[in-house]
């Protein structure tokens, strides 16, 4: 019972329509207090949860569960937390913070669904819990980079308009 609550991120993965999106959204709200404390804390928690998730997914699959079952969304939590860990709330306004968190969610979902390049290769070729969590962790990393690029471009063009 506890394993299922963990793997489904408090049962959000049990929602029949778009469980990955719901799991990611719930994970954003679960991660916000840690992000407010510090980026590093959120990243370290994502790594810790990711390691536990690999072990628990392997146990789930050994017990007869489906590989990458749609109700397992703990990998989405790891990915979206990694994406959010690129955000430094201490230097952003409230509007920028909300925008950055929303962009983290959107970019993560894009890369998690699309699975371009190495993200898709990990998803296809790496078995067990490491494959389930690995592609989402990489998608989160790429999503975080995209958020940084958007904000750098915004900052560059905003300064160009002022000058």
N, C-alpha and C. Protein backbone atom coordinates (compact mmCIF):
# COMPACT_ATOMS: atom_id res chain seq x y z
N UNK A 1 0.83 -1.20 0.00
CA UNK A 1 0.00 0.00 0.00
C UNK A 1 0.87 1.26 0.00
N UNK A 2 1.89 1.30 0.87
CA UNK A 2 2.79 2.44 0.93
C UNK A 2 3.60 2.57 -0.36
N UNK A 3 4.01 1.42 -0.92
CA UNK A 3 4.76 1.43 -2.18
C UNK A 3 3.91 2.06 -3.29
N UNK A 4 2.64 1.69 -3.37
CA UNK A 4 1.77 2.22 -4.42
C UNK A 4 1.55 3.72 -4.21
N UNK A 5 1.37 4.15 -2.97
CA UNK A 5 1.20 5.59 -2.70
C UNK A 5 2.45 6.36 -3.13
N UNK A 6 3.62 5.79 -2.87
CA UNK A 6 4.88 6.42 -3.28
C UNK A 6 5.01 6.44 -4.80
N UNK A 7 4.87 5.27 -5.42
CA UNK A 7 5.08 5.18 -6.87
C UNK A 7 4.05 5.99 -7.66
N UNK A 8 2.85 6.13 -7.14
CA UNK A 8 1.79 6.87 -7.84
C UNK A 8 1.71 8.33 -7.37
N UNK A 9 2.68 8.78 -6.60
CA UNK A 9 2.71 10.13 -6.03
C UNK A 9 1.35 10.47 -5.41
N UNK A 10 1.13 9.83 -4.28
CA UNK A 10 -0.11 10.03 -3.50
C UNK A 10 -1.36 9.73 -4.33
N UNK A 11 -1.26 8.71 -5.17
CA UNK A 11 -2.36 8.20 -5.99
C UNK A 11 -2.74 9.10 -7.16
N UNK A 12 -1.97 10.15 -7.42
CA UNK A 12 -2.29 11.00 -8.58
C UNK A 12 -2.10 10.22 -9.89
N UNK A 13 -1.25 9.21 -9.90
CA UNK A 13 -1.06 8.38 -11.08
C UNK A 13 -2.23 7.45 -11.35
N UNK A 14 -3.14 7.36 -10.43
CA UNK A 14 -4.33 6.51 -10.61
C UNK A 14 -5.45 7.25 -11.34
N UNK A 15 -5.29 8.54 -11.58
CA UNK A 15 -6.29 9.29 -12.35
C UNK A 15 -6.27 8.74 -13.77
N UNK A 16 -7.42 8.31 -14.29
CA UNK A 16 -7.43 7.58 -15.56
C UNK A 16 -7.00 8.40 -16.79
N UNK A 17 -7.23 9.69 -16.79
CA UNK A 17 -6.87 10.51 -17.95
C UNK A 17 -5.59 11.28 -17.64
N UNK A 18 -4.58 11.13 -18.48
CA UNK A 18 -3.31 11.85 -18.38
C UNK A 18 -2.66 11.72 -17.00
N UNK A 19 -2.40 10.48 -16.54
CA UNK A 19 -1.81 10.33 -15.21
C UNK A 19 -0.43 10.97 -15.08
N UNK A 20 0.36 10.97 -16.15
CA UNK A 20 1.68 11.59 -16.10
C UNK A 20 1.60 13.10 -15.90
N UNK A 21 0.64 13.72 -16.54
CA UNK A 21 0.46 15.17 -16.38
C UNK A 21 -0.03 15.49 -14.98
N UNK A 22 -0.99 14.70 -14.48
CA UNK A 22 -1.50 14.94 -13.13
C UNK A 22 -0.40 14.69 -12.09
N UNK A 23 0.37 13.61 -12.30
CA UNK A 23 1.47 13.33 -11.38
C UNK A 23 2.51 14.44 -11.38
N UNK A 24 2.79 14.99 -12.56
CA UNK A 24 3.73 16.11 -12.66
C UNK A 24 3.19 17.35 -11.96
N UNK A 25 1.92 17.62 -12.15
CA UNK A 25 1.31 18.80 -11.53
C UNK A 25 1.31 18.69 -10.01
N UNK A 26 0.93 17.55 -9.48
CA UNK A 26 0.97 17.34 -8.04
C UNK A 26 2.41 17.49 -7.54
N UNK A 27 3.36 16.97 -8.30
CA UNK A 27 4.77 17.04 -7.93
C UNK A 27 5.28 18.48 -7.89
N UNK A 28 4.80 19.33 -8.79
CA UNK A 28 5.18 20.74 -8.75
C UNK A 28 4.81 21.33 -7.39
N UNK A 29 3.59 21.09 -6.96
CA UNK A 29 3.14 21.66 -5.69
C UNK A 29 3.86 21.03 -4.50
N UNK A 30 4.20 19.75 -4.59
CA UNK A 30 4.96 19.12 -3.52
C UNK A 30 6.39 19.67 -3.45
N UNK A 31 6.93 20.07 -4.59
CA UNK A 31 8.30 20.56 -4.64
C UNK A 31 8.47 22.03 -4.30
N UNK A 32 7.41 22.81 -4.41
CA UNK A 32 7.52 24.25 -4.18
C UNK A 32 8.09 24.63 -2.81
N UNK A 33 7.65 24.01 -1.71
CA UNK A 33 8.24 24.40 -0.42
C UNK A 33 9.75 24.15 -0.36
N UNK A 34 10.21 23.07 -0.97
CA UNK A 34 11.64 22.76 -0.98
C UNK A 34 12.40 23.74 -1.87
N UNK A 35 11.80 24.11 -3.00
CA UNK A 35 12.41 25.09 -3.89
C UNK A 35 12.51 26.44 -3.22
N UNK A 36 11.50 26.79 -2.44
CA UNK A 36 11.53 28.06 -1.71
C UNK A 36 12.70 28.07 -0.73
N UNK A 37 12.97 26.91 -0.13
CA UNK A 37 14.09 26.80 0.80
C UNK A 37 15.41 26.96 0.04
N UNK A 38 15.61 26.15 -1.02
CA UNK A 38 16.79 26.31 -1.88
C UNK A 38 16.72 25.36 -3.07
N UNK A 39 17.36 25.78 -4.16
CA UNK A 39 17.45 24.96 -5.36
C UNK A 39 18.19 23.66 -5.07
N UNK A 40 19.27 23.77 -4.31
CA UNK A 40 20.10 22.62 -4.02
C UNK A 40 19.32 21.56 -3.24
N UNK A 41 18.50 22.00 -2.30
CA UNK A 41 17.69 21.07 -1.51
C UNK A 41 16.75 20.30 -2.43
N UNK A 42 16.09 20.99 -3.34
CA UNK A 42 15.16 20.32 -4.25
C UNK A 42 15.91 19.33 -5.15
N UNK A 43 17.07 19.72 -5.67
CA UNK A 43 17.84 18.82 -6.53
C UNK A 43 18.29 17.58 -5.76
N UNK A 44 18.80 17.78 -4.56
CA UNK A 44 19.26 16.64 -3.76
C UNK A 44 18.10 15.71 -3.40
N UNK A 45 16.94 16.29 -3.10
CA UNK A 45 15.76 15.46 -2.83
C UNK A 45 15.33 14.69 -4.08
N UNK A 46 15.42 15.34 -5.24
CA UNK A 46 15.08 14.65 -6.50
C UNK A 46 16.01 13.46 -6.71
N UNK A 47 17.28 13.63 -6.44
CA UNK A 47 18.24 12.53 -6.59
C UNK A 47 17.94 11.42 -5.59
N UNK A 48 17.66 11.80 -4.35
CA UNK A 48 17.34 10.80 -3.32
C UNK A 48 16.06 10.04 -3.68
N UNK A 49 15.02 10.77 -4.03
CA UNK A 49 13.76 10.12 -4.40
C UNK A 49 13.96 9.26 -5.65
N UNK A 50 14.77 9.75 -6.59
CA UNK A 50 15.05 8.97 -7.79
C UNK A 50 15.70 7.64 -7.48
N UNK A 51 16.67 7.65 -6.56
CA UNK A 51 17.33 6.39 -6.17
C UNK A 51 16.36 5.43 -5.50
N UNK A 52 15.54 5.95 -4.62
CA UNK A 52 14.53 5.11 -3.96
C UNK A 52 13.53 4.60 -5.00
N UNK A 53 13.15 5.47 -5.93
CA UNK A 53 12.17 5.09 -6.96
C UNK A 53 12.70 3.95 -7.83
N UNK A 54 13.99 3.99 -8.21
CA UNK A 54 14.57 2.91 -9.01
C UNK A 54 14.43 1.59 -8.27
N UNK A 55 14.78 1.59 -6.99
CA UNK A 55 14.69 0.37 -6.18
C UNK A 55 13.24 -0.11 -6.06
N UNK A 56 12.33 0.80 -5.79
CA UNK A 56 10.93 0.41 -5.61
C UNK A 56 10.26 -0.02 -6.92
N UNK A 57 10.63 0.60 -8.01
CA UNK A 57 10.09 0.17 -9.32
C UNK A 57 10.59 -1.22 -9.66
N UNK A 58 11.88 -1.48 -9.39
CA UNK A 58 12.42 -2.82 -9.62
C UNK A 58 11.66 -3.86 -8.79
N UNK A 59 11.39 -3.55 -7.53
CA UNK A 59 10.64 -4.46 -6.66
C UNK A 59 9.22 -4.65 -7.19
N UNK A 60 8.60 -3.58 -7.62
CA UNK A 60 7.24 -3.63 -8.17
C UNK A 60 7.20 -4.54 -9.41
N UNK A 61 8.18 -4.37 -10.30
CA UNK A 61 8.21 -5.19 -11.51
C UNK A 61 8.51 -6.65 -11.20
N UNK A 62 9.41 -6.91 -10.23
CA UNK A 62 9.70 -8.30 -9.84
C UNK A 62 8.46 -8.97 -9.26
N UNK A 63 7.61 -8.19 -8.61
CA UNK A 63 6.39 -8.74 -8.01
C UNK A 63 5.28 -8.94 -9.05
N UNK A 64 5.57 -8.68 -10.31
CA UNK A 64 4.59 -8.92 -11.37
C UNK A 64 3.95 -7.68 -11.95
N UNK A 65 4.38 -6.50 -11.50
CA UNK A 65 3.83 -5.25 -12.05
C UNK A 65 4.36 -4.98 -13.45
N UNK A 66 3.60 -4.26 -14.22
CA UNK A 66 3.99 -3.92 -15.59
C UNK A 66 5.18 -2.97 -15.60
N UNK A 67 6.07 -3.14 -16.60
CA UNK A 67 7.17 -2.20 -16.76
C UNK A 67 6.60 -0.85 -17.19
N UNK A 68 7.02 0.19 -16.52
CA UNK A 68 6.60 1.57 -16.79
C UNK A 68 5.07 1.69 -16.81
N UNK A 69 4.44 1.08 -15.84
CA UNK A 69 2.99 1.16 -15.66
C UNK A 69 2.58 2.63 -15.64
N UNK A 70 1.50 2.96 -16.29
CA UNK A 70 1.06 4.36 -16.41
C UNK A 70 0.71 4.99 -15.05
N UNK A 71 0.38 4.16 -14.07
CA UNK A 71 0.06 4.72 -12.75
C UNK A 71 1.31 5.09 -11.96
N UNK A 72 2.48 4.62 -12.40
CA UNK A 72 3.73 4.98 -11.74
C UNK A 72 4.17 6.33 -12.27
N UNK A 73 4.09 7.34 -11.41
CA UNK A 73 4.45 8.70 -11.81
C UNK A 73 5.53 9.31 -10.91
N UNK A 74 6.16 8.48 -10.10
CA UNK A 74 7.25 9.00 -9.26
C UNK A 74 8.40 9.48 -10.14
N UNK A 75 8.53 8.91 -11.33
CA UNK A 75 9.55 9.37 -12.27
C UNK A 75 9.25 10.78 -12.76
N UNK A 76 7.98 11.13 -12.89
CA UNK A 76 7.60 12.49 -13.23
C UNK A 76 7.98 13.46 -12.11
N UNK A 77 7.80 13.03 -10.87
CA UNK A 77 8.21 13.87 -9.74
C UNK A 77 9.70 14.17 -9.82
N UNK A 78 10.50 13.14 -10.05
CA UNK A 78 11.96 13.33 -10.15
C UNK A 78 12.29 14.30 -11.28
N UNK A 79 11.69 14.10 -12.44
CA UNK A 79 11.99 14.95 -13.59
C UNK A 79 11.58 16.40 -13.39
N UNK A 80 10.37 16.62 -12.90
CA UNK A 80 9.91 18.00 -12.74
C UNK A 80 10.66 18.70 -11.61
N UNK A 81 11.06 17.95 -10.58
CA UNK A 81 11.86 18.56 -9.52
C UNK A 81 13.25 18.95 -10.03
N UNK A 82 13.82 18.13 -10.90
CA UNK A 82 15.11 18.50 -11.49
C UNK A 82 14.95 19.76 -12.32
N UNK A 83 13.90 19.83 -13.13
CA UNK A 83 13.65 21.03 -13.94
C UNK A 83 13.48 22.25 -13.04
N UNK A 84 12.72 22.11 -11.97
CA UNK A 84 12.47 23.24 -11.07
C UNK A 84 13.73 23.66 -10.32
N UNK A 85 14.67 22.74 -10.14
CA UNK A 85 15.88 23.06 -9.38
C UNK A 85 16.78 24.04 -10.13
N UNK A 86 16.48 24.33 -11.37
CA UNK A 86 17.22 25.34 -12.12
C UNK A 86 16.74 26.76 -11.79
N UNK A 87 15.66 26.87 -11.03
CA UNK A 87 15.05 28.16 -10.73
C UNK A 87 15.60 28.69 -9.40
N UNK A 88 16.06 29.92 -9.41
CA UNK A 88 16.51 30.57 -8.18
C UNK A 88 15.46 31.61 -7.79
N UNK A 89 14.58 31.23 -6.89
CA UNK A 89 13.48 32.11 -6.50
C UNK A 89 13.97 33.38 -5.81
N UNK A 90 15.16 33.34 -5.25
CA UNK A 90 15.67 34.49 -4.51
C UNK A 90 16.01 35.69 -5.40
N UNK A 91 16.20 35.46 -6.70
CA UNK A 91 16.54 36.56 -7.60
C UNK A 91 15.40 36.92 -8.54
N UNK A 92 14.28 36.23 -8.43
CA UNK A 92 13.15 36.46 -9.33
C UNK A 92 12.01 37.16 -8.60
N UNK A 93 11.27 37.96 -9.35
CA UNK A 93 10.04 38.54 -8.81
C UNK A 93 8.99 37.45 -8.70
N UNK A 94 7.87 37.75 -8.07
CA UNK A 94 6.81 36.76 -7.94
C UNK A 94 6.29 36.34 -9.32
N UNK A 95 6.10 37.31 -10.21
CA UNK A 95 5.63 37.00 -11.57
C UNK A 95 6.63 36.11 -12.29
N UNK A 96 7.92 36.45 -12.18
CA UNK A 96 8.95 35.64 -12.84
C UNK A 96 9.02 34.24 -12.23
N UNK A 97 8.85 34.15 -10.92
CA UNK A 97 8.88 32.85 -10.25
C UNK A 97 7.75 31.95 -10.73
N UNK A 98 6.56 32.50 -10.80
CA UNK A 98 5.40 31.74 -11.27
C UNK A 98 5.62 31.31 -12.72
N UNK A 99 6.13 32.22 -13.53
CA UNK A 99 6.41 31.91 -14.93
C UNK A 99 7.45 30.80 -15.05
N UNK A 100 8.51 30.90 -14.25
CA UNK A 100 9.58 29.90 -14.31
C UNK A 100 9.08 28.52 -13.89
N UNK A 101 8.27 28.46 -12.85
CA UNK A 101 7.72 27.17 -12.40
C UNK A 101 6.79 26.61 -13.48
N UNK A 102 5.95 27.45 -14.05
CA UNK A 102 5.04 27.00 -15.12
C UNK A 102 5.82 26.50 -16.33
N UNK A 103 6.87 27.23 -16.70
CA UNK A 103 7.70 26.81 -17.83
C UNK A 103 8.41 25.49 -17.53
N UNK A 104 8.85 25.30 -16.30
CA UNK A 104 9.48 24.04 -15.91
C UNK A 104 8.52 22.88 -16.14
N UNK A 105 7.29 23.07 -15.70
CA UNK A 105 6.26 22.04 -15.88
C UNK A 105 6.01 21.78 -17.36
N UNK A 106 5.80 22.84 -18.14
CA UNK A 106 5.47 22.70 -19.56
C UNK A 106 6.63 22.07 -20.34
N UNK A 107 7.84 22.59 -20.16
CA UNK A 107 8.99 22.02 -20.87
C UNK A 107 9.22 20.57 -20.46
N UNK A 108 9.08 20.28 -19.17
CA UNK A 108 9.26 18.89 -18.75
C UNK A 108 8.25 17.98 -19.44
N UNK A 109 6.99 18.37 -19.45
CA UNK A 109 5.97 17.52 -20.09
C UNK A 109 6.25 17.36 -21.58
N UNK A 110 6.69 18.43 -22.24
CA UNK A 110 7.02 18.33 -23.67
C UNK A 110 8.11 17.28 -23.89
N UNK A 111 9.20 17.39 -23.15
CA UNK A 111 10.31 16.45 -23.36
C UNK A 111 9.98 15.04 -22.86
N UNK A 112 9.15 14.94 -21.84
CA UNK A 112 8.75 13.63 -21.34
C UNK A 112 7.85 12.91 -22.33
N UNK A 113 6.98 13.63 -22.99
CA UNK A 113 6.07 13.02 -23.96
C UNK A 113 6.78 12.79 -25.30
N UNK A 114 7.51 13.78 -25.76
CA UNK A 114 8.17 13.73 -27.07
C UNK A 114 9.33 12.75 -27.07
N UNK A 115 10.13 12.74 -26.02
CA UNK A 115 11.29 11.86 -25.84
C UNK A 115 12.29 11.95 -27.00
N UNK A 116 12.81 13.14 -27.27
CA UNK A 116 13.79 13.25 -28.36
C UNK A 116 15.15 12.67 -27.96
N UNK A 117 15.94 12.28 -28.92
CA UNK A 117 17.35 11.93 -28.78
C UNK A 117 17.61 10.93 -27.65
N UNK A 118 18.51 11.28 -26.75
CA UNK A 118 18.92 10.37 -25.69
C UNK A 118 17.79 10.07 -24.71
N UNK A 119 16.85 10.97 -24.57
CA UNK A 119 15.72 10.72 -23.67
C UNK A 119 14.96 9.49 -24.16
N UNK A 120 14.67 9.44 -25.45
CA UNK A 120 13.98 8.30 -26.03
C UNK A 120 14.83 7.04 -26.01
N UNK A 121 16.13 7.20 -26.21
CA UNK A 121 17.03 6.04 -26.20
C UNK A 121 17.03 5.39 -24.81
N UNK A 122 17.09 6.20 -23.77
CA UNK A 122 17.02 5.65 -22.41
C UNK A 122 15.69 4.95 -22.20
N UNK A 123 14.60 5.58 -22.63
CA UNK A 123 13.27 5.00 -22.46
C UNK A 123 13.16 3.64 -23.16
N UNK A 124 13.73 3.53 -24.35
CA UNK A 124 13.62 2.29 -25.13
C UNK A 124 14.59 1.20 -24.69
N UNK A 125 15.79 1.58 -24.30
CA UNK A 125 16.85 0.59 -24.15
C UNK A 125 17.23 0.24 -22.71
N UNK A 126 16.96 1.10 -21.76
CA UNK A 126 17.34 0.82 -20.38
C UNK A 126 16.14 0.19 -19.68
N UNK A 127 16.36 -0.97 -19.11
CA UNK A 127 15.27 -1.73 -18.50
C UNK A 127 15.16 -1.43 -17.00
N UNK A 128 14.05 -1.82 -16.43
CA UNK A 128 13.84 -1.71 -15.00
C UNK A 128 13.63 -0.28 -14.53
N UNK A 129 13.81 -0.09 -13.24
CA UNK A 129 13.58 1.21 -12.62
C UNK A 129 14.49 2.29 -13.16
N UNK A 130 15.73 1.93 -13.50
CA UNK A 130 16.65 2.94 -14.03
C UNK A 130 16.15 3.50 -15.35
N UNK A 131 15.56 2.68 -16.19
CA UNK A 131 15.00 3.16 -17.45
C UNK A 131 13.78 4.03 -17.24
N UNK A 132 12.94 3.62 -16.28
CA UNK A 132 11.72 4.38 -15.99
C UNK A 132 12.06 5.77 -15.47
N UNK A 133 13.01 5.85 -14.54
CA UNK A 133 13.37 7.13 -13.93
C UNK A 133 14.37 7.90 -14.78
N UNK A 134 15.27 7.20 -15.46
CA UNK A 134 16.35 7.85 -16.20
C UNK A 134 15.89 8.79 -17.29
N UNK A 135 14.90 8.38 -18.08
CA UNK A 135 14.44 9.25 -19.17
C UNK A 135 13.77 10.51 -18.63
N UNK A 136 13.07 10.38 -17.52
CA UNK A 136 12.42 11.56 -16.93
C UNK A 136 13.44 12.49 -16.27
N UNK A 137 14.48 11.91 -15.68
CA UNK A 137 15.54 12.74 -15.08
C UNK A 137 16.23 13.55 -16.17
N UNK A 138 16.53 12.93 -17.30
CA UNK A 138 17.16 13.65 -18.40
C UNK A 138 16.20 14.68 -19.00
N UNK A 139 14.93 14.33 -19.12
CA UNK A 139 13.93 15.29 -19.62
C UNK A 139 13.84 16.50 -18.68
N UNK A 140 13.94 16.26 -17.38
CA UNK A 140 13.93 17.35 -16.41
C UNK A 140 15.14 18.25 -16.55
N UNK A 141 16.30 17.65 -16.77
CA UNK A 141 17.52 18.41 -16.96
C UNK A 141 17.42 19.31 -18.21
N UNK A 142 16.95 18.74 -19.31
CA UNK A 142 16.80 19.51 -20.55
C UNK A 142 15.73 20.60 -20.36
N UNK A 143 14.66 20.28 -19.68
CA UNK A 143 13.61 21.28 -19.42
C UNK A 143 14.17 22.43 -18.59
N UNK A 144 14.96 22.13 -17.58
CA UNK A 144 15.58 23.18 -16.77
C UNK A 144 16.49 24.08 -17.59
N UNK A 145 17.26 23.48 -18.49
CA UNK A 145 18.10 24.28 -19.39
C UNK A 145 17.25 25.20 -20.27
N UNK A 146 16.13 24.68 -20.76
CA UNK A 146 15.24 25.50 -21.60
C UNK A 146 14.69 26.68 -20.83
N UNK A 147 14.33 26.48 -19.56
CA UNK A 147 13.84 27.59 -18.74
C UNK A 147 14.94 28.64 -18.61
N UNK A 148 16.17 28.21 -18.38
CA UNK A 148 17.28 29.15 -18.27
C UNK A 148 17.47 29.93 -19.57
N UNK A 149 17.37 29.25 -20.70
CA UNK A 149 17.52 29.91 -22.00
C UNK A 149 16.42 30.94 -22.22
N UNK A 150 15.19 30.58 -21.88
CA UNK A 150 14.07 31.52 -22.03
C UNK A 150 14.31 32.77 -21.19
N UNK A 151 14.73 32.59 -19.95
CA UNK A 151 14.96 33.74 -19.08
C UNK A 151 16.16 34.56 -19.51
N UNK A 152 17.20 33.91 -20.02
CA UNK A 152 18.36 34.65 -20.53
C UNK A 152 17.97 35.48 -21.76
N UNK A 153 17.18 34.89 -22.64
CA UNK A 153 16.72 35.62 -23.83
C UNK A 153 15.81 36.77 -23.42
N UNK A 154 14.91 36.52 -22.48
CA UNK A 154 14.01 37.57 -21.99
C UNK A 154 14.81 38.73 -21.41
N UNK A 155 15.81 38.40 -20.60
CA UNK A 155 16.65 39.42 -19.97
C UNK A 155 17.41 40.21 -21.04
N UNK A 156 17.94 39.53 -22.03
CA UNK A 156 18.69 40.18 -23.10
C UNK A 156 17.80 41.14 -23.88
N UNK A 157 16.63 40.66 -24.30
CA UNK A 157 15.74 41.50 -25.10
C UNK A 157 15.09 42.61 -24.28
N UNK A 158 14.84 42.36 -23.01
CA UNK A 158 14.28 43.42 -22.16
C UNK A 158 15.28 44.56 -22.02
N UNK A 159 16.56 44.23 -21.86
CA UNK A 159 17.58 45.26 -21.77
C UNK A 159 17.74 45.99 -23.10
N UNK A 160 17.59 45.29 -24.20
CA UNK A 160 17.71 45.91 -25.52
C UNK A 160 16.60 46.93 -25.74
N UNK A 161 15.40 46.63 -25.23
CA UNK A 161 14.28 47.56 -25.38
C UNK A 161 14.48 48.82 -24.52
N UNK A 162 15.07 48.61 -23.35
CA UNK A 162 15.29 49.75 -22.45
C UNK A 162 16.34 50.68 -23.01
N UNK A 163 17.40 50.11 -23.58
CA UNK A 163 18.49 50.94 -24.12
C UNK A 163 18.05 51.49 -25.44
